[in-house]
PDB file of N, CA and C in Angstrom:
ATOM      1  N   MET A   1     -45.608  34.967-123.547  1.00  0.00           N
ATOM      2  CA  MET A   1     -44.175  34.808-123.384  1.00  0.00           C
ATOM      3  C   MET A   1     -43.684  35.765-122.293  1.00  0.00           C
ATOM      4  N   PRO A   2     -42.932  35.255-121.279  1.00  0.00           N
ATOM      5  CA  PRO A   2     -42.502  36.122-120.200  1.00  0.00           C
ATOM      6  C   PRO A   2     -41.506  37.177-120.686  1.00  0.00           C
ATOM      7  N   LYS A   3     -41.646  38.343-120.087  1.00  0.00           N
ATOM      8  CA  LYS A   3     -40.762  39.451-120.455  1.00  0.00           C
ATOM      9  C   LYS A   3     -39.362  39.180-119.930  1.00  0.00           C
ATOM     10  N   LYS A   4     -38.376  39.372-120.791  1.00  0.00           N
ATOM     11  CA  LYS A   4     -36.989  39.166-120.372  1.00  0.00           C
ATOM     12  C   LYS A   4     -36.563  40.322-119.496  1.00  0.00           C
ATOM     13  N   SER A   5     -35.822  40.009-118.463  1.00  0.00           N
ATOM     14  CA  SER A   5     -35.318  41.046-117.575  1.00  0.00           C
ATOM     15  C   SER A   5     -34.332  41.922-118.328  1.00  0.00           C
ATOM     16  N   SER A   6     -34.383  43.214-118.038  1.00  0.00           N
ATOM     17  CA  SER A   6     -33.453  44.123-118.693  1.00  0.00           C
ATOM     18  C   SER A   6     -32.031  43.921-118.165  1.00  0.00           C
ATOM     19  N   LYS A   7     -31.937  43.311-116.998  1.00  0.00           N
ATOM     20  CA  LYS A   7     -30.623  43.005-116.418  1.00  0.00           C
ATOM     21  C   LYS A   7     -30.545  41.500-116.159  1.00  0.00           C
ATOM     22  N   PRO A   8     -30.003  40.725-117.100  1.00  0.00           N
ATOM     23  CA  PRO A   8     -30.004  39.264-116.959  1.00  0.00           C
ATOM     24  C   PRO A   8     -29.189  38.756-115.769  1.00  0.00           C
ATOM     25  N   ASN A   9     -28.213  39.516-115.296  1.00  0.00           N
ATOM     26  CA  ASN A   9     -27.392  39.065-114.173  1.00  0.00           C
ATOM     27  C   ASN A   9     -27.884  39.596-112.828  1.00  0.00           C
ATOM     28  N   ARG A  10     -29.043  40.204-112.810  1.00  0.00           N
ATOM     29  CA  ARG A  10     -29.547  40.830-111.587  1.00  0.00           C
ATOM     30  C   ARG A  10     -29.648  39.839-110.424  1.00  0.00           C
ATOM     31  N   GLY A  11     -30.134  38.624-110.695  1.00  0.00           N
ATOM     32  CA  GLY A  11     -30.248  37.615-109.638  1.00  0.00           C
ATOM     33  C   GLY A  11     -28.899  37.295-109.010  1.00  0.00           C
ATOM     34  N   PHE A  12     -27.867  37.209-109.860  1.00  0.00           N
ATOM     35  CA  PHE A  12     -26.518  36.938-109.344  1.00  0.00           C
ATOM     36  C   PHE A  12     -25.990  38.128-108.548  1.00  0.00           C
ATOM     37  N   GLN A  13     -26.288  39.333-109.014  1.00  0.00           N
ATOM     38  CA  GLN A  13     -25.843  40.533-108.302  1.00  0.00           C
ATOM     39  C   GLN A  13     -26.493  40.615-106.930  1.00  0.00           C
ATOM     40  N   ILE A  14     -27.776  40.316-106.874  1.00  0.00           N
ATOM     41  CA  ILE A  14     -28.504  40.350-105.599  1.00  0.00           C
ATOM     42  C   ILE A  14     -27.936  39.284-104.657  1.00  0.00           C
ATOM     43  N   ALA A  15     -27.736  38.072-105.169  1.00  0.00           N
ATOM     44  CA  ALA A  15     -27.188  36.981-104.340  1.00  0.00           C
ATOM     45  C   ALA A  15     -25.808  37.362-103.811  1.00  0.00           C
ATOM     46  N   ASP A  16     -24.990  37.957-104.660  1.00  0.00           N
ATOM     47  CA  ASP A  16     -23.647  38.367-104.269  1.00  0.00           C
ATOM     48  C   ASP A  16     -23.702  39.439-103.185  1.00  0.00           C
ATOM     49  N   GLN A  17     -24.609  40.406-103.346  1.00  0.00           N
ATOM     50  CA  GLN A  17     -24.751  41.469-102.348  1.00  0.00           C
ATOM     51  C   GLN A  17     -25.266  40.902-101.030  1.00  0.00           C
ATOM     52  N   ILE A  18     -26.214  39.984-101.089  1.00  0.00           N
ATOM     53  CA  ILE A  18     -26.739  39.346 -99.877  1.00  0.00           C
ATOM     54  C   ILE A  18     -25.608  38.608 -99.164  1.00  0.00           C
ATOM     55  N   GLN A  19     -24.778  37.899 -99.929  1.00  0.00           N
ATOM     56  CA  GLN A  19     -23.653  37.157 -99.356  1.00  0.00           C
ATOM     57  C   GLN A  19     -22.711  38.110 -98.605  1.00  0.00           C
ATOM     58  N   ARG A  20     -22.348  39.221 -99.238  1.00  0.00           N
ATOM     59  CA  ARG A  20     -21.443  40.190 -98.594  1.00  0.00           C
ATOM     60  C   ARG A  20     -22.080  40.808 -97.358  1.00  0.00           C
ATOM     61  N   ASP A  21     -23.338  41.230 -97.483  1.00  0.00           N
ATOM     62  CA  ASP A  21     -24.009  41.882 -96.356  1.00  0.00           C
ATOM     63  C   ASP A  21     -24.231  40.924 -95.193  1.00  0.00           C
ATOM     64  N   LEU A  22     -24.622  39.677 -95.488  1.00  0.00           N
ATOM     65  CA  LEU A  22     -24.834  38.704 -94.418  1.00  0.00           C
ATOM     66  C   LEU A  22     -23.535  38.405 -93.672  1.00  0.00           C
ATOM     67  N   SER A  23     -22.431  38.307 -94.393  1.00  0.00           N
ATOM     68  CA  SER A  23     -21.143  38.055 -93.746  1.00  0.00           C
ATOM     69  C   SER A  23     -20.860  39.132 -92.713  1.00  0.00           C
ATOM     70  N   GLU A  24     -21.096  40.365 -93.104  1.00  0.00           N
ATOM     71  CA  GLU A  24     -20.858  41.495 -92.206  1.00  0.00           C
ATOM     72  C   GLU A  24     -21.861  41.516 -91.052  1.00  0.00           C
ATOM     73  N   LEU A  25     -23.139  41.317 -91.359  1.00  0.00           N
ATOM     74  CA  LEU A  25     -24.180  41.351 -90.327  1.00  0.00           C
ATOM     75  C   LEU A  25     -23.987  40.255 -89.280  1.00  0.00           C
ATOM     76  N   ILE A  26     -23.659  39.056 -89.731  1.00  0.00           N
ATOM     77  CA  ILE A  26     -23.480  37.940 -88.791  1.00  0.00           C
ATOM     78  C   ILE A  26     -22.297  38.227 -87.875  1.00  0.00           C
ATOM     79  N   ALA A  27     -21.215  38.759 -88.436  1.00  0.00           N
ATOM     80  CA  ALA A  27     -20.025  39.051 -87.633  1.00  0.00           C
ATOM     81  C   ALA A  27     -20.262  40.203 -86.647  1.00  0.00           C
ATOM     82  N   ARG A  28     -20.991  41.229 -87.072  1.00  0.00           N
ATOM     83  CA  ARG A  28     -21.118  42.446 -86.259  1.00  0.00           C
ATOM     84  C   ARG A  28     -22.374  42.538 -85.415  1.00  0.00           C
ATOM     85  N   GLU A  29     -23.495  42.041 -85.915  1.00  0.00           N
ATOM     86  CA  GLU A  29     -24.785  42.278 -85.269  1.00  0.00           C
ATOM     87  C   GLU A  29     -25.335  41.084 -84.498  1.00  0.00           C
ATOM     88  N   LEU A  30     -24.951  39.871 -84.897  1.00  0.00           N
ATOM     89  CA  LEU A  30     -25.530  38.682 -84.280  1.00  0.00           C
ATOM     90  C   LEU A  30     -24.784  38.344 -83.000  1.00  0.00           C
ATOM     91  N   LYS A  31     -25.507  38.299 -81.901  1.00  0.00           N
ATOM     92  CA  LYS A  31     -24.888  38.073 -80.587  1.00  0.00           C
ATOM     93  C   LYS A  31     -25.132  36.668 -80.034  1.00  0.00           C
ATOM     94  N   ASP A  32     -25.644  35.770 -80.855  1.00  0.00           N
ATOM     95  CA  ASP A  32     -25.943  34.410 -80.401  1.00  0.00           C
ATOM     96  C   ASP A  32     -24.645  33.650 -80.172  1.00  0.00           C
ATOM     97  N   PRO A  33     -24.438  33.110 -78.948  1.00  0.00           N
ATOM     98  CA  PRO A  33     -23.192  32.384 -78.658  1.00  0.00           C
ATOM     99  C   PRO A  33     -23.030  31.089 -79.456  1.00  0.00           C
ATOM    100  N   ARG A  34     -24.129  30.578 -80.036  1.00  0.00           N
ATOM    101  CA  ARG A  34     -24.042  29.361 -80.848  1.00  0.00           C
ATOM    102  C   ARG A  34     -23.438  29.632 -82.220  1.00  0.00           C
ATOM    103  N   VAL A  35     -23.341  30.909 -82.578  1.00  0.00           N
ATOM    104  CA  VAL A  35     -22.797  31.286 -83.879  1.00  0.00           C
ATOM    105  C   VAL A  35     -21.389  31.834 -83.675  1.00  0.00           C
ATOM    106  N   GLY A  36     -20.415  31.074 -84.171  1.00  0.00           N
ATOM    107  CA  GLY A  36     -19.028  31.502 -84.058  1.00  0.00           C
ATOM    108  C   GLY A  36     -18.575  32.160 -85.348  1.00  0.00           C
ATOM    109  N   MET A  37     -17.412  31.723 -85.815  1.00  0.00           N
ATOM    110  CA  MET A  37     -16.880  32.277 -87.057  1.00  0.00           C
ATOM    111  C   MET A  37     -17.531  31.571 -88.243  1.00  0.00           C
ATOM    112  N   VAL A  38     -18.483  32.239 -88.842  1.00  0.00           N
ATOM    113  CA  VAL A  38     -19.244  31.689 -89.956  1.00  0.00           C
ATOM    114  C   VAL A  38     -18.728  32.290 -91.261  1.00  0.00           C
ATOM    115  N   THR A  39     -18.562  31.439 -92.255  1.00  0.00           N
ATOM    116  CA  THR A  39     -18.218  31.905 -93.598  1.00  0.00           C
ATOM    117  C   THR A  39     -19.395  31.609 -94.508  1.00  0.00           C
ATOM    118  N   ILE A  40     -19.897  32.640 -95.165  1.00  0.00           N
ATOM    119  CA  ILE A  40     -20.983  32.450 -96.133  1.00  0.00           C
ATOM    120  C   ILE A  40     -20.336  32.037 -97.449  1.00  0.00           C
ATOM    121  N   ASN A  41     -20.578  30.798 -97.867  1.00  0.00           N
ATOM    122  CA  ASN A  41     -19.947  30.257 -99.076  1.00  0.00           C
ATOM    123  C   ASN A  41     -20.698  30.614-100.349  1.00  0.00           C
ATOM    124  N   ALA A  42     -22.019  30.620-100.277  1.00  0.00           N
ATOM    125  CA  ALA A  42     -22.819  30.897-101.473  1.00  0.00           C
ATOM    126  C   ALA A  42     -24.239  31.270-101.072  1.00  0.00           C
ATOM    127  N   VAL A  43     -24.900  32.001-101.963  1.00  0.00           N
ATOM    128  CA  VAL A  43     -26.310  32.347-101.789  1.00  0.00           C
ATOM    129  C   VAL A  43     -27.004  32.082-103.115  1.00  0.00           C
ATOM    130  N   GLU A  44     -28.113  31.342-103.055  1.00  0.00           N
ATOM    131  CA  GLU A  44     -28.927  31.080-104.249  1.00  0.00           C
ATOM    132  C   GLU A  44     -30.289  31.716-104.027  1.00  0.00           C
ATOM    133  N   VAL A  45     -30.668  32.616-104.924  1.00  0.00           N
ATOM    134  CA  VAL A  45     -31.932  33.328-104.807  1.00  0.00           C
ATOM    135  C   VAL A  45     -32.904  32.795-105.853  1.00  0.00           C
ATOM    136  N   THR A  46     -34.161  32.574-105.441  1.00  0.00           N
ATOM    137  CA  THR A  46     -35.175  32.132-106.401  1.00  0.00           C
ATOM    138  C   THR A  46     -35.454  33.272-107.382  1.00  0.00           C
ATOM    139  N   PRO A  47     -35.928  32.957-108.591  1.00  0.00           N
ATOM    140  CA  PRO A  47     -36.168  33.996-109.607  1.00  0.00           C
ATOM    141  C   PRO A  47     -37.103  35.118-109.143  1.00  0.00           C
ATOM    142  N   ASP A  48     -38.041  34.808-108.247  1.00  0.00           N
ATOM    143  CA  ASP A  48     -38.969  35.841-107.773  1.00  0.00           C
ATOM    144  C   ASP A  48     -38.448  36.563-106.516  1.00  0.00           C
ATOM    145  N   TYR A  49     -37.220  36.239-106.111  1.00  0.00           N
ATOM    146  CA  TYR A  49     -36.568  36.844-104.923  1.00  0.00           C
ATOM    147  C   TYR A  49     -37.313  36.576-103.618  1.00  0.00           C
ATOM    148  N   ALA A  50     -38.178  35.573-103.597  1.00  0.00           N
ATOM    149  CA  ALA A  50     -38.942  35.281-102.386  1.00  0.00           C
ATOM    150  C   ALA A  50     -38.112  34.508-101.364  1.00  0.00           C
ATOM    151  N   HIS A  51     -37.188  33.676-101.833  1.00  0.00           N
ATOM    152  CA  HIS A  51     -36.395  32.834-100.931  1.00  0.00           C
ATOM    153  C   HIS A  51     -34.930  32.850-101.338  1.00  0.00           C
ATOM    154  N   ALA A  52     -34.083  32.701-100.327  1.00  0.00           N
ATOM    155  CA  ALA A  52     -32.644  32.600-100.586  1.00  0.00           C
ATOM    156  C   ALA A  52     -32.082  31.460 -99.744  1.00  0.00           C
ATOM    157  N   LYS A  53     -31.390  30.535-100.403  1.00  0.00           N
ATOM    158  CA  LYS A  53     -30.655  29.488 -99.696  1.00  0.00           C
ATOM    159  C   LYS A  53     -29.274  30.053 -99.417  1.00  0.00           C
ATOM    160  N   VAL A  54     -28.886  30.018 -98.152  1.00  0.00           N
ATOM    161  CA  VAL A  54     -27.586  30.559 -97.747  1.00  0.00           C
ATOM    162  C   VAL A  54     -26.735  29.395 -97.261  1.00  0.00           C
ATOM    163  N   PHE A  55     -25.640  29.123 -97.974  1.00  0.00           N
ATOM    164  CA  PHE A  55     -24.750  28.023 -97.629  1.00  0.00           C
ATOM    165  C   PHE A  55     -23.563  28.581 -96.848  1.00  0.00           C
ATOM    166  N   PHE A  56     -23.305  27.977 -95.684  1.00  0.00           N
ATOM    167  CA  PHE A  56     -22.238  28.488 -94.826  1.00  0.00           C
ATOM    168  C   PHE A  56     -21.363  27.355 -94.315  1.00  0.00           C
ATOM    169  N   SER A  57     -20.172  27.721 -93.863  1.00  0.00           N
ATOM    170  CA  SER A  57     -19.293  26.764 -93.186  1.00  0.00           C
ATOM    171  C   SER A  57     -18.795  27.432 -91.909  1.00  0.00           C
ATOM    172  N   ILE A  58     -18.265  26.623 -91.000  1.00  0.00           N
ATOM    173  CA  ILE A  58     -17.749  27.145 -89.734  1.00  0.00           C
ATOM    174  C   ILE A  58     -16.388  26.528 -89.450  1.00  0.00           C
ATOM    175  N   LEU A  59     -15.568  27.280 -88.723  1.00  0.00           N
ATOM    176  CA  LEU A  59     -14.258  26.761 -88.332  1.00  0.00           C
ATOM    177  C   LEU A  59     -14.379  25.848 -87.122  1.00  0.00           C
ATOM    178  N   VAL A  60     -15.118  26.305 -86.115  1.00  0.00           N
ATOM    179  CA  VAL A  60     -15.327  25.502 -84.911  1.00  0.00           C
ATOM    180  C   VAL A  60     -16.805  25.578 -84.529  1.00  0.00           C
ATOM    181  N   GLY A  61     -17.248  24.605 -83.784  1.00  0.00           N
ATOM    182  CA  GLY A  61     -18.630  24.610 -83.315  1.00  0.00           C
ATOM    183  C   GLY A  61     -19.427  23.470 -83.918  1.00  0.00           C
ATOM    184  N   ASP A  62     -20.664  23.398 -83.494  1.00  0.00           N
ATOM    185  CA  ASP A  62     -21.577  22.354 -83.921  1.00  0.00           C
ATOM    186  C   ASP A  62     -22.397  22.857 -85.114  1.00  0.00           C
ATOM    187  N   PRO A  63     -22.268  22.182 -86.269  1.00  0.00           N
ATOM    188  CA  PRO A  63     -23.004  22.628 -87.455  1.00  0.00           C
ATOM    189  C   PRO A  63     -24.518  22.682 -87.258  1.00  0.00           C
ATOM    190  N   GLU A  64     -25.066  21.707 -86.529  1.00  0.00           N
ATOM    191  CA  GLU A  64     -26.522  21.678 -86.320  1.00  0.00           C
ATOM    192  C   GLU A  64     -26.977  22.839 -85.446  1.00  0.00           C
ATOM    193  N   GLU A  65     -26.236  23.116 -84.373  1.00  0.00           N
ATOM    194  CA  GLU A  65     -26.573  24.238 -83.486  1.00  0.00           C
ATOM    195  C   GLU A  65     -26.468  25.558 -84.234  1.00  0.00           C
ATOM    196  N   THR A  66     -25.421  25.694 -85.034  1.00  0.00           N
ATOM    197  CA  THR A  66     -25.214  26.931 -85.787  1.00  0.00           C
ATOM    198  C   THR A  66     -26.325  27.121 -86.814  1.00  0.00           C
ATOM    199  N   THR A  67     -26.697  26.040 -87.499  1.00  0.00           N
ATOM    200  CA  THR A  67     -27.793  26.111 -88.474  1.00  0.00           C
ATOM    201  C   THR A  67     -29.076  26.559 -87.796  1.00  0.00           C
ATOM    202  N   GLU A  68     -29.359  25.953 -86.645  1.00  0.00           N
ATOM    203  CA  GLU A  68     -30.570  26.299 -85.888  1.00  0.00           C
ATOM    204  C   GLU A  68     -30.541  27.773 -85.471  1.00  0.00           C
ATOM    205  N   ALA A  69     -29.398  28.224 -84.956  1.00  0.00           N
ATOM    206  CA  ALA A  69     -29.274  29.610 -84.500  1.00  0.00           C
ATOM    207  C   ALA A  69     -29.440  30.587 -85.663  1.00  0.00           C
ATOM    208  N   LEU A  70     -28.816  30.288 -86.799  1.00  0.00           N
ATOM    209  CA  LEU A  70     -28.923  31.179 -87.953  1.00  0.00           C
ATOM    210  C   LEU A  70     -30.353  31.218 -88.496  1.00  0.00           C
ATOM    211  N   ASN A  71     -31.019  30.068 -88.534  1.00  0.00           N
ATOM    212  CA  ASN A  71     -32.402  30.054 -89.014  1.00  0.00           C
ATOM    213  C   ASN A  71     -33.334  30.771 -88.044  1.00  0.00           C
ATOM    214  N   GLN A  72     -33.024  30.715 -86.733  1.00  0.00           N
ATOM    215  CA  GLN A  72     -33.819  31.472 -85.759  1.00  0.00           C
ATOM    216  C   GLN A  72     -33.588  32.974 -85.920  1.00  0.00           C
ATOM    217  N   ALA A  73     -32.382  33.349 -86.337  1.00  0.00           N
ATOM    218  CA  ALA A  73     -32.039  34.763 -86.518  1.00  0.00           C
ATOM    219  C   ALA A  73     -32.368  35.262 -87.925  1.00  0.00           C
ATOM    220  N   ALA A  74     -32.932  34.403 -88.767  1.00  0.00           N
ATOM    221  CA  ALA A  74     -33.178  34.756 -90.176  1.00  0.00           C
ATOM    222  C   ALA A  74     -34.048  36.007 -90.313  1.00  0.00           C
ATOM    223  N   GLY A  75     -35.066  36.149 -89.494  1.00  0.00           N
ATOM    224  CA  GLY A  75     -35.940  37.328 -89.557  1.00  0.00           C
ATOM    225  C   GLY A  75     -35.192  38.597 -89.184  1.00  0.00           C
ATOM    226  N   PHE A  76     -34.392  38.515 -88.145  1.00  0.00           N
ATOM    227  CA  PHE A  76     -33.554  39.639 -87.703  1.00  0.00           C
ATOM    228  C   PHE A  76     -32.596  40.046 -88.818  1.00  0.00           C
ATOM    229  N   LEU A  77     -31.931  39.056 -89.414  1.00  0.00           N
ATOM    230  CA  LEU A  77     -30.971  39.327 -90.482  1.00  0.00           C
ATOM    231  C   LEU A  77     -31.680  39.881 -91.725  1.00  0.00           C
ATOM    232  N   ARG A  78     -32.841  39.341 -92.034  1.00  0.00           N
ATOM    233  CA  ARG A  78     -33.609  39.809 -93.195  1.00  0.00           C
ATOM    234  C   ARG A  78     -34.013  41.266 -92.995  1.00  0.00           C
ATOM    235  N   ASN A  79     -34.411  41.618 -91.780  1.00  0.00           N
ATOM    236  CA  ASN A  79     -34.788  42.995 -91.465  1.00  0.00           C
ATOM    237  C   ASN A  79     -33.609  43.943 -91.701  1.00  0.00           C
ATOM    238  N   HIS A  80     -32.425  43.531 -91.281  1.00  0.00           N
ATOM    239  CA  HIS A  80     -31.229  44.345 -91.499  1.00  0.00           C
ATOM    240  C   HIS A  80     -30.879  44.417 -92.985  1.00  0.00           C
ATOM    241  N   LEU A  81     -31.077  43.324 -93.713  1.00  0.00           N
ATOM    242  CA  LEU A  81     -30.833  43.335 -95.161  1.00  0.00           C
ATOM    243  C   LEU A  81     -31.776  44.308 -95.865  1.00  0.00           C
ATOM    244  N   PHE A  82     -33.017  44.367 -95.372  1.00  0.00           N
ATOM    245  CA  PHE A  82     -34.015  45.242 -95.971  1.00  0.00           C
ATOM    246  C   PHE A  82     -33.542  46.696 -95.932  1.00  0.00           C
ATOM    247  N   LYS A  83     -32.850  47.060 -94.856  1.00  0.00           N
ATOM    248  CA  LYS A  83     -32.339  48.425 -94.714  1.00  0.00           C
ATOM    249  C   LYS A  83     -31.160  48.696 -95.648  1.00  0.00           C
ATOM    250  N   ARG A  84     -30.440  47.627 -96.038  1.00  0.00           N
ATOM    251  CA  ARG A  84     -29.242  47.786 -96.870  1.00  0.00           C
ATOM    252  C   ARG A  84     -29.500  47.626 -98.355  1.00  0.00           C
ATOM    253  N   LEU A  85     -30.350  46.673 -98.704  1.00  0.00           N
ATOM    254  CA  LEU A  85     -30.595  46.370-100.112  1.00  0.00           C
ATOM    255  C   LEU A  85     -31.662  47.300-100.677  1.00  0.00           C
ATOM    256  N   HIS A  86     -31.480  47.706-101.906  1.00  0.00           N
ATOM    257  CA  HIS A  86     -32.453  48.578-102.542  1.00  0.00           C
ATOM    258  C   HIS A  86     -33.281  47.778-103.537  1.00  0.00           C
ATOM    259  N   ILE A  87     -34.011  46.786-102.980  1.00  0.00           N
ATOM    260  CA  ILE A  87     -34.903  45.986-103.814  1.00  0.00           C
ATOM    261  C   ILE A  87     -36.262  45.910-103.131  1.00  0.00           C
ATOM    262  N   HIS A  88     -37.273  45.670-103.944  1.00  0.00           N
ATOM    263  CA  HIS A  88     -38.645  45.651-103.444  1.00  0.00           C
ATOM    264  C   HIS A  88     -38.899  44.491-102.482  1.00  0.00           C
ATOM    265  N   THR A  89     -38.389  43.320-102.833  1.00  0.00           N
ATOM    266  CA  THR A  89     -38.607  42.122-102.018  1.00  0.00           C
ATOM    267  C   THR A  89     -37.273  41.586-101.525  1.00  0.00           C
ATOM    268  N   VAL A  90     -37.107  41.531-100.219  1.00  0.00           N
ATOM    269  CA  VAL A  90     -35.921  40.894 -99.646  1.00  0.00           C
ATOM    270  C   VAL A  90     -36.313  39.455 -99.344  1.00  0.00           C
ATOM    271  N   PRO A  91     -35.541  38.490 -99.838  1.00  0.00           N
ATOM    272  CA  PRO A  91     -35.945  37.087 -99.698  1.00  0.00           C
ATOM    273  C   PRO A  91     -35.938  36.587 -98.258  1.00  0.00           C
ATOM    274  N   THR A  92     -36.766  35.576 -98.019  1.00  0.00           N
ATOM    275  CA  THR A  92     -36.740  34.842 -96.764  1.00  0.00           C
ATOM    276  C   THR A  92     -35.471  33.998 -96.790  1.00  0.00           C
ATOM    277  N   LEU A  93     -34.717  34.022 -95.699  1.00  0.00           N
ATOM    278  CA  LEU A  93     -33.423  33.344 -95.661  1.00  0.00           C
ATOM    279  C   LEU A  93     -33.562  31.930 -95.098  1.00  0.00           C
ATOM    280  N   HIS A  94     -32.888  30.988 -95.754  1.00  0.00           N
ATOM    281  CA  HIS A  94     -32.856  29.598 -95.313  1.00  0.00           C
ATOM    282  C   HIS A  94     -31.389  29.186 -95.250  1.00  0.00           C
ATOM    283  N   PHE A  95     -30.878  28.920 -94.046  1.00  0.00           N
ATOM    284  CA  PHE A  95     -29.459  28.595 -93.882  1.00  0.00           C
ATOM    285  C   PHE A  95     -29.224  27.092 -93.966  1.00  0.00           C
ATOM    286  N   HIS A  96     -28.151  26.709 -94.683  1.00  0.00           N
ATOM    287  CA  HIS A  96     -27.770  25.312 -94.859  1.00  0.00           C
ATOM    288  C   HIS A  96     -26.275  25.176 -94.624  1.00  0.00           C
ATOM    289  N   PHE A  97     -25.897  24.196 -93.795  1.00  0.00           N
ATOM    290  CA  PHE A  97     -24.476  23.946 -93.557  1.00  0.00           C
ATOM    291  C   PHE A  97     -23.867  23.335 -94.814  1.00  0.00           C
ATOM    292  N   ASP A  98     -22.761  23.897 -95.254  1.00  0.00           N
ATOM    293  CA  ASP A  98     -22.079  23.449 -96.470  1.00  0.00           C
ATOM    294  C   ASP A  98     -20.892  22.577 -96.071  1.00  0.00           C
ATOM    295  N   ARG A  99     -20.954  21.309 -96.432  1.00  0.00           N
ATOM    296  CA  ARG A  99     -19.901  20.364 -96.053  1.00  0.00           C
ATOM    297  C   ARG A  99     -18.756  20.294 -97.075  1.00  0.00           C
ATOM    298  N   THR A 100     -18.732  21.180 -98.042  1.00  0.00           N
ATOM    299  CA  THR A 100     -17.712  21.147 -99.090  1.00  0.00           C
ATOM    300  C   THR A 100     -16.301  21.212 -98.514  1.00  0.00           C
ATOM    301  N   THR A 101     -16.061  22.124 -97.570  1.00  0.00           N
ATOM    302  CA  THR A 101     -14.709  22.257 -97.012  1.00  0.00           C
ATOM    303  C   THR A 101     -14.328  21.012 -96.205  1.00  0.00           C
ATOM    304  N   GLU A 102     -15.305  20.432 -95.504  1.00  0.00           N
ATOM    305  CA  GLU A 102     -15.052  19.184 -94.761  1.00  0.00           C
ATOM    306  C   GLU A 102     -14.653  18.069 -95.723  1.00  0.00           C
ATOM    307  N   ARG A 103     -15.413  17.944 -96.810  1.00  0.00           N
ATOM    308  CA  ARG A 103     -15.129  16.904 -97.794  1.00  0.00           C
ATOM    309  C   ARG A 103     -13.768  17.115 -98.435  1.00  0.00           C
ATOM    310  N   ALA A 104     -13.404  18.361 -98.706  1.00  0.00           N
ATOM    311  CA  ALA A 104     -12.098  18.666 -99.300  1.00  0.00           C
ATOM    312  C   ALA A 104     -10.974  18.267 -98.346  1.00  0.00           C
ATOM    313  N   ALA A 105     -11.139  18.548 -97.066  1.00  0.00           N
ATOM    314  CA  ALA A 105     -10.124  18.180 -96.070  1.00  0.00           C
ATOM    315  C   ALA A 105     -10.006  16.661 -95.981  1.00  0.00           C
ATOM    316  N   ASP A 106     -11.137  15.958 -95.988  1.00  0.00           N
ATOM    317  CA  ASP A 106     -11.121  14.492 -95.958  1.00  0.00           C
ATOM    318  C   ASP A 106     -10.424  13.934 -97.195  1.00  0.00           C
ATOM    319  N   MET A 107     -10.707  14.516 -98.348  1.00  0.00           N
ATOM    320  CA  MET A 107     -10.094  14.066 -99.596  1.00  0.00           C
ATOM    321  C   MET A 107      -8.583  14.306 -99.558  1.00  0.00           C
ATOM    322  N   ASN A 108      -8.178  15.466 -99.074  1.00  0.00           N
ATOM    323  CA  ASN A 108      -6.738  15.758 -98.966  1.00  0.00           C
ATOM    324  C   ASN A 108      -6.039  14.768 -98.038  1.00  0.00           C
ATOM    325  N   ALA A 109      -6.696  14.403 -96.942  1.00  0.00           N
ATOM    326  CA  ALA A 109      -6.122  13.436 -96.008  1.00  0.00           C
ATOM    327  C   ALA A 109      -5.979  12.067 -96.678  1.00  0.00           C
ATOM    328  N   LEU A 110      -6.995  11.656 -97.452  1.00  0.00           N
ATOM    329  CA  LEU A 110      -6.916  10.377 -98.159  1.00  0.00           C
ATOM    330  C   LEU A 110      -5.791  10.378 -99.187  1.00  0.00           C
ATOM    331  N   ILE A 111      -5.649  11.479 -99.908  1.00  0.00           N
ATOM    332  CA  ILE A 111      -4.585  11.587-100.913  1.00  0.00           C
ATOM    333  C   ILE A 111      -3.218  11.517-100.238  1.00  0.00           C
ATOM    334  N   ALA A 112      -3.059  12.253 -99.142  1.00  0.00           N
ATOM    335  CA  ALA A 112      -1.782  12.242 -98.417  1.00  0.00           C
ATOM    336  C   ALA A 112      -1.458  10.842 -97.910  1.00  0.00           C
ATOM    337  N   LYS A 113      -2.478  10.136 -97.425  1.00  0.00           N
ATOM    338  CA  LYS A 113      -2.282   8.772 -96.926  1.00  0.00           C
ATOM    339  C   LYS A 113      -1.856   7.846 -98.072  1.00  0.00           C
ATOM    340  N   ALA A 114      -2.513   7.967 -99.217  1.00  0.00           N
ATOM    341  CA  ALA A 114      -2.174   7.138-100.377  1.00  0.00           C
ATOM    342  C   ALA A 114      -0.759   7.422-100.867  1.00  0.00           C
ATOM    343  N   VAL A 115      -0.386   8.689-100.896  1.00  0.00           N
ATOM    344  CA  VAL A 115       0.959   9.066-101.348  1.00  0.00           C
ATOM    345  C   VAL A 115       2.015   8.530-100.392  1.00  0.00           C
ATOM    346  N   SER A 116       1.771   8.648 -99.085  1.00  0.00           N
ATOM    347  CA  SER A 116       2.760   8.171 -98.113  1.00  0.00           C
ATOM    348  C   SER A 116       2.884   6.643 -98.147  1.00  0.00           C
ATOM    349  N   SER A 117       1.763   5.934 -98.357  1.00  0.00           N
ATOM    350  CA  SER A 117       1.843   4.466 -98.422  1.00  0.00           C
ATOM    351  C   SER A 117       2.543   4.032 -99.718  1.00  0.00           C
ATOM    352  N   ARG A 118       2.374   4.802-100.781  1.00  0.00           N
ATOM    353  CA  ARG A 118       3.042   4.470-102.045  1.00  0.00           C
ATOM    354  C   ARG A 118       4.556   4.667-101.897  1.00  0.00           C
ATOM    355  N   SER A 119       4.963   5.742-101.239  1.00  0.00           N
ATOM    356  CA  SER A 119       6.404   5.998-101.093  1.00  0.00           C
ATOM    357  C   SER A 119       7.069   4.948-100.180  1.00  0.00           C
ATOM    358  N   LYS A 120       6.309   4.392 -99.242  1.00  0.00           N
ATOM    359  CA  LYS A 120       6.851   3.321 -98.385  1.00  0.00           C
ATOM    360  C   LYS A 120       7.067   2.044 -99.201  1.00  0.00           C
ATOM    361  N   ASP A 121       6.146   1.806-100.171  1.00  0.00           N
ATOM    362  CA  ASP A 121       6.243   0.584-100.993  1.00  0.00           C
ATOM    363  C   ASP A 121       7.413   0.638-101.949  1.00  0.00           C
ATOM    364  N   GLU A 122       7.834   1.843-102.341  1.00  0.00           N
ATOM    365  CA  GLU A 122       8.895   1.971-103.356  1.00  0.00           C
ATOM    366  C   GLU A 122      10.267   1.866-102.780  1.00  0.00           C
TER     367      GLU A 122
END
């Protein structure tokens, strides 16, 4: 039977710290012109801390180019995380564009359109 962790929320704490540190590192240390204003929406860390999925959104720019640039910079960012985090294993970072905000904006536009067409009918 696997030993229960003495800190059951440790994975969430690590993911939260990675999210905060990456936000700062990307804004301050990353000089790639393909990376503009990036918002780190969520980080999911595997139980063994070997990998972390990093979900991000952008205000302007090409999502594919930004994803490529962030994944190319993953080693650089991981190295900087290693200096900040006090854990034995810093996960390998995998960046994924998060379309949640895009979908929310599309949904809001559809709702507004439906409401305006309903008010015209009345």
